[in-house]
Amino acid sequence: MSPEGAARIRQRRGAELRRHILVTAKEVFLETGYERASMDTVAARAGTSKRSLYAHFESKDKLFLAILDLIRELYLIRLKTPDAYAADPAEAVALFCGRFLQLMTWEPQVRTCRLCIAEAERLPGSSSAYFDAIFATTRDILTAYLADHFDADAGPLAEDLLARTVLPRLFRTLLNVEGAFKGDPGEDVLPEAVDLSAIRRLVTSTLPAEAAT
């Protein structure tokens, strides 16, 4: 094998190990909280050495920020964009908002959000990263879609739609007033996870009367 081929194999193995560490560490942080999670525990659960762990992540803070990057990646794969849900713009927006609510009230995501809130004062960078990864990204996706399909100020309209359709139930779920969704968050169970009829009514009352041509 050539030196270049051997280097590619090492690089691939390194990327696979990094991904494995992140998936494992995400579960450790969600189970124990940031303060109690230790690099020793992460290394042991991942089946690797502390030396190897620190070679990929030089501190617990940087490991946590990398976990948030992974969460963003997995979240966006599930969320997609409004045009993936329906051809009709109003229905596409309603289903997109419903999907966002479903994912945000899914138990692992609720636990992640609570974890970031708990560490917000001590680690403002992590809570800011989580906000950008989940909320700001979703707003930007919706804003871009609205700008293409409606004659309206898309940014404020996106904020208003998400506030109306998502925030009330999300807030209740974070405070444990209403239970989190515990099943697999597939699109096929979206009608079971959220009240799509209510979301459609809110979207219809908020969107401009006609889509842009």
Protein backbone atom coordinates (compact mmCIF):
# COMPACT_ATOMS: atom_id res chain seq x y z
CA MET A 1 0.00 0.00 0.00
CA SER A 2 1.24 3.46 -0.86
CA PRO A 3 1.91 6.04 1.87
CA GLU A 4 -0.98 8.08 0.52
CA GLY A 5 -3.34 5.11 0.78
CA ALA A 6 -2.24 4.38 4.33
CA ALA A 7 -2.75 8.04 5.25
CA ARG A 8 -6.30 7.98 3.86
CA ILE A 9 -7.11 4.88 5.91
CA ARG A 10 -5.77 6.50 9.07
CA GLN A 11 -7.75 9.65 8.31
CA ARG A 12 -10.95 7.66 7.77
CA ARG A 13 -10.43 5.70 10.96
CA GLY A 14 -9.75 8.94 12.81
CA ALA A 15 -12.98 10.46 11.48
CA GLU A 16 -14.94 7.33 12.43
CA LEU A 17 -13.50 7.38 15.95
CA ARG A 18 -14.28 11.08 16.32
CA ARG A 19 -17.87 10.47 15.27
CA HIS A 20 -18.16 7.52 17.66
CA ILE A 21 -16.81 9.63 20.53
CA LEU A 22 -19.30 12.40 19.80
CA VAL A 23 -22.30 10.05 19.70
CA THR A 24 -21.18 8.43 22.95
CA ALA A 25 -20.40 11.75 24.64
CA LYS A 26 -23.81 13.13 23.69
CA GLU A 27 -25.47 10.34 25.65
CA VAL A 28 -23.15 10.85 28.62
CA PHE A 29 -23.90 14.58 28.79
CA LEU A 30 -27.64 14.03 28.48
CA GLU A 31 -27.61 11.34 31.18
CA THR A 32 -25.45 13.13 33.75
CA GLY A 33 -25.51 16.85 32.87
CA TYR A 34 -22.49 18.93 31.94
CA GLU A 35 -21.01 19.29 35.42
CA ARG A 36 -21.03 15.58 36.26
CA ALA A 37 -19.94 14.38 32.82
CA SER A 38 -16.24 13.58 32.80
CA MET A 39 -13.73 12.92 30.08
CA ASP A 40 -12.86 9.67 31.90
CA THR A 41 -16.45 8.48 31.56
CA VAL A 42 -16.64 9.48 27.91
CA ALA A 43 -13.38 7.65 27.12
CA ALA A 44 -14.50 4.52 28.96
CA ARG A 45 -17.94 4.46 27.35
CA ALA A 46 -16.43 5.05 23.90
CA GLY A 47 -13.93 2.25 24.42
CA THR A 48 -10.95 4.47 23.77
CA SER A 49 -8.10 5.96 25.78
CA LYS A 50 -8.07 9.40 27.38
CA ARG A 51 -5.04 10.17 25.25
CA SER A 52 -7.01 9.42 22.09
CA LEU A 53 -9.99 11.40 23.39
CA TYR A 54 -7.87 14.46 24.12
CA ALA A 55 -6.20 14.13 20.72
CA HIS A 56 -9.62 14.81 19.19
CA PHE A 57 -11.03 17.20 21.83
CA GLU A 58 -8.60 19.10 24.01
CA SER A 59 -11.17 20.03 26.67
CA LYS A 60 -14.65 19.17 27.88
CA ASP A 61 -15.91 22.55 26.68
CA LYS A 62 -14.70 21.88 23.13
CA LEU A 63 -16.16 18.39 23.24
CA PHE A 64 -19.52 19.84 24.25
CA LEU A 65 -19.43 22.41 21.43
CA ALA A 66 -18.61 19.62 18.97
CA ILE A 67 -21.61 17.66 20.28
CA LEU A 68 -23.81 20.68 19.49
CA ASP A 69 -22.43 20.67 15.95
CA LEU A 70 -23.40 17.00 15.65
CA ILE A 71 -26.87 17.73 17.02
CA ARG A 72 -27.29 20.49 14.43
CA GLU A 73 -26.25 18.14 11.64
CA LEU A 74 -28.67 15.40 12.72
CA TYR A 75 -31.44 17.92 13.34
CA LEU A 76 -31.21 19.50 9.88
CA ILE A 77 -31.30 16.08 8.22
CA ARG A 78 -34.62 15.44 9.97
CA LEU A 79 -36.07 18.94 9.54
CA LYS A 80 -35.37 19.52 5.82
CA THR A 81 -36.92 22.58 4.14
CA PRO A 82 -40.59 23.60 3.67
CA ASP A 83 -40.69 22.64 -0.01
CA ALA A 84 -39.96 19.04 0.97
CA TYR A 85 -43.36 18.76 2.66
CA ALA A 86 -45.91 20.08 0.16
CA ALA A 87 -46.26 21.94 -3.12
CA ASP A 88 -48.82 24.38 -1.72
CA PRO A 89 -46.90 27.13 0.11
CA ALA A 90 -49.30 27.50 3.04
CA GLU A 91 -49.39 23.74 3.63
CA ALA A 92 -45.61 23.53 3.27
CA VAL A 93 -45.18 26.20 5.94
CA ALA A 94 -47.68 24.52 8.26
CA LEU A 95 -46.01 21.12 7.98
CA PHE A 96 -42.54 22.66 8.38
CA CYS A 97 -43.62 24.43 11.58
CA GLY A 98 -45.28 21.24 12.78
CA ARG A 99 -42.12 19.25 12.09
CA PHE A 100 -40.06 21.83 13.97
CA LEU A 101 -42.39 21.55 16.94
CA GLN A 102 -42.27 17.76 16.81
CA LEU A 103 -38.46 17.71 16.83
CA MET A 104 -38.19 20.35 19.55
CA THR A 105 -40.58 18.51 21.87
CA TRP A 106 -38.93 15.15 21.24
CA GLU A 107 -37.50 13.95 24.56
CA PRO A 108 -33.77 13.90 23.62
CA GLN A 109 -34.04 17.41 22.17
CA VAL A 110 -35.89 18.64 25.26
CA ARG A 111 -33.12 17.25 27.45
CA THR A 112 -30.49 18.93 25.27
CA CYS A 113 -32.29 22.26 25.45
CA ARG A 114 -32.63 22.01 29.23
CA LEU A 115 -28.93 21.16 29.49
CA CYS A 116 -27.94 24.24 27.49
CA ILE A 117 -30.25 26.43 29.57
CA ALA A 118 -28.75 25.05 32.79
CA GLU A 119 -25.25 25.94 31.60
CA ALA A 120 -26.16 29.26 29.95
CA GLU A 121 -24.65 31.50 32.64
CA ARG A 122 -21.45 29.50 33.07
CA LEU A 123 -20.98 28.55 29.41
CA PRO A 124 -22.73 31.25 27.37
CA GLY A 125 -20.87 30.11 24.27
CA SER A 126 -22.55 26.72 24.36
CA SER A 127 -26.07 28.10 24.80
CA SER A 128 -25.43 30.60 22.02
CA ALA A 129 -24.15 27.80 19.78
CA TYR A 130 -27.26 25.75 20.50
CA PHE A 131 -29.54 28.70 19.72
CA ASP A 132 -27.74 29.33 16.43
CA ALA A 133 -27.71 25.63 15.52
CA ILE A 134 -31.41 25.02 16.14
CA PHE A 135 -33.52 28.16 16.40
CA ALA A 136 -31.61 30.61 14.20
CA THR A 137 -31.04 28.02 11.49
CA THR A 138 -34.74 27.09 11.43
CA ARG A 139 -35.74 30.75 11.26
CA ASP A 140 -33.33 31.35 8.39
CA ILE A 141 -34.64 28.34 6.44
CA LEU A 142 -38.22 29.53 6.88
CA THR A 143 -37.30 33.12 6.06
CA ALA A 144 -35.71 32.06 2.77
CA TYR A 145 -38.80 30.06 1.82
CA LEU A 146 -41.20 32.87 2.71
CA ALA A 147 -39.12 35.37 0.75
CA ASP A 148 -39.48 33.18 -2.35
CA HIS A 149 -43.22 32.51 -2.00
CA PHE A 150 -44.90 35.48 -0.30
CA ASP A 151 -45.01 39.24 -0.77
CA ALA A 152 -44.10 40.06 2.81
CA ASP A 153 -41.23 41.07 5.07
CA ALA A 154 -39.97 37.50 5.39
CA GLY A 155 -37.79 37.82 8.49
CA PRO A 156 -40.42 39.18 10.90
CA LEU A 157 -43.03 36.89 9.33
CA ALA A 158 -40.87 33.82 10.03
CA GLU A 159 -40.33 34.95 13.63
CA ASP A 160 -44.07 35.48 14.08
CA LEU A 161 -44.98 32.08 12.61
CA LEU A 162 -42.52 30.20 14.81
CA ALA A 163 -43.62 32.15 17.87
CA ARG A 164 -47.27 31.32 17.24
CA THR A 165 -46.92 27.68 16.25
CA VAL A 166 -44.01 26.41 18.34
CA LEU A 167 -43.12 28.46 21.38
CA PRO A 168 -46.23 27.98 23.57
CA ARG A 169 -46.05 24.19 23.57
CA LEU A 170 -42.24 24.13 23.65
CA PHE A 171 -42.25 26.34 26.74
CA ARG A 172 -44.80 24.08 28.44
CA THR A 173 -42.71 21.03 27.57
CA LEU A 174 -39.46 22.53 28.85
CA LEU A 175 -41.19 23.31 32.16
CA ASN A 176 -42.65 19.79 32.27
CA VAL A 177 -46.19 21.15 32.21
CA GLU A 178 -46.73 19.01 29.14
CA GLY A 179 -44.88 15.76 28.45
CA ALA A 180 -42.19 15.39 25.81
CA PHE A 181 -42.72 13.18 22.77
CA LYS A 182 -41.00 9.88 23.54
CA GLY A 183 -41.42 7.90 20.34
CA ASP A 184 -39.30 7.91 17.22
CA PRO A 185 -39.74 11.37 15.62
CA GLY A 186 -40.50 10.14 12.13
CA GLU A 187 -42.52 12.22 9.70
CA ASP A 188 -45.13 9.45 9.58
CA VAL A 189 -46.11 10.12 13.20
CA LEU A 190 -46.20 13.91 12.85
CA PRO A 191 -50.03 14.03 13.22
CA GLU A 192 -49.72 12.10 16.49
CA ALA A 193 -47.01 14.37 17.88
CA VAL A 194 -48.53 17.79 17.18
CA ASP A 195 -51.92 19.35 16.54
CA LEU A 196 -51.63 20.01 12.81
CA SER A 197 -55.15 21.44 12.58
CA ALA A 198 -54.29 24.16 15.09
CA ILE A 199 -51.00 24.86 13.34
CA ARG A 200 -52.74 25.17 9.97
CA ARG A 201 -55.20 27.68 11.45
CA LEU A 202 -52.38 29.74 12.93
CA VAL A 203 -50.42 29.66 9.68
CA THR A 204 -53.46 30.63 7.62
CA SER A 205 -54.23 33.57 9.91
CA THR A 206 -50.61 34.77 9.83
CA LEU A 207 -49.58 34.39 6.19
CA PRO A 208 -50.51 36.97 3.53
CA ALA A 209 -53.72 36.12 1.75
CA GLU A 210 -51.97 35.14 -1.50
CA ALA A 211 -48.63 33.64 -2.34
CA ALA A 212 -46.28 35.66 -4.51
CA THR A 213 -46.31 34.76 -8.18
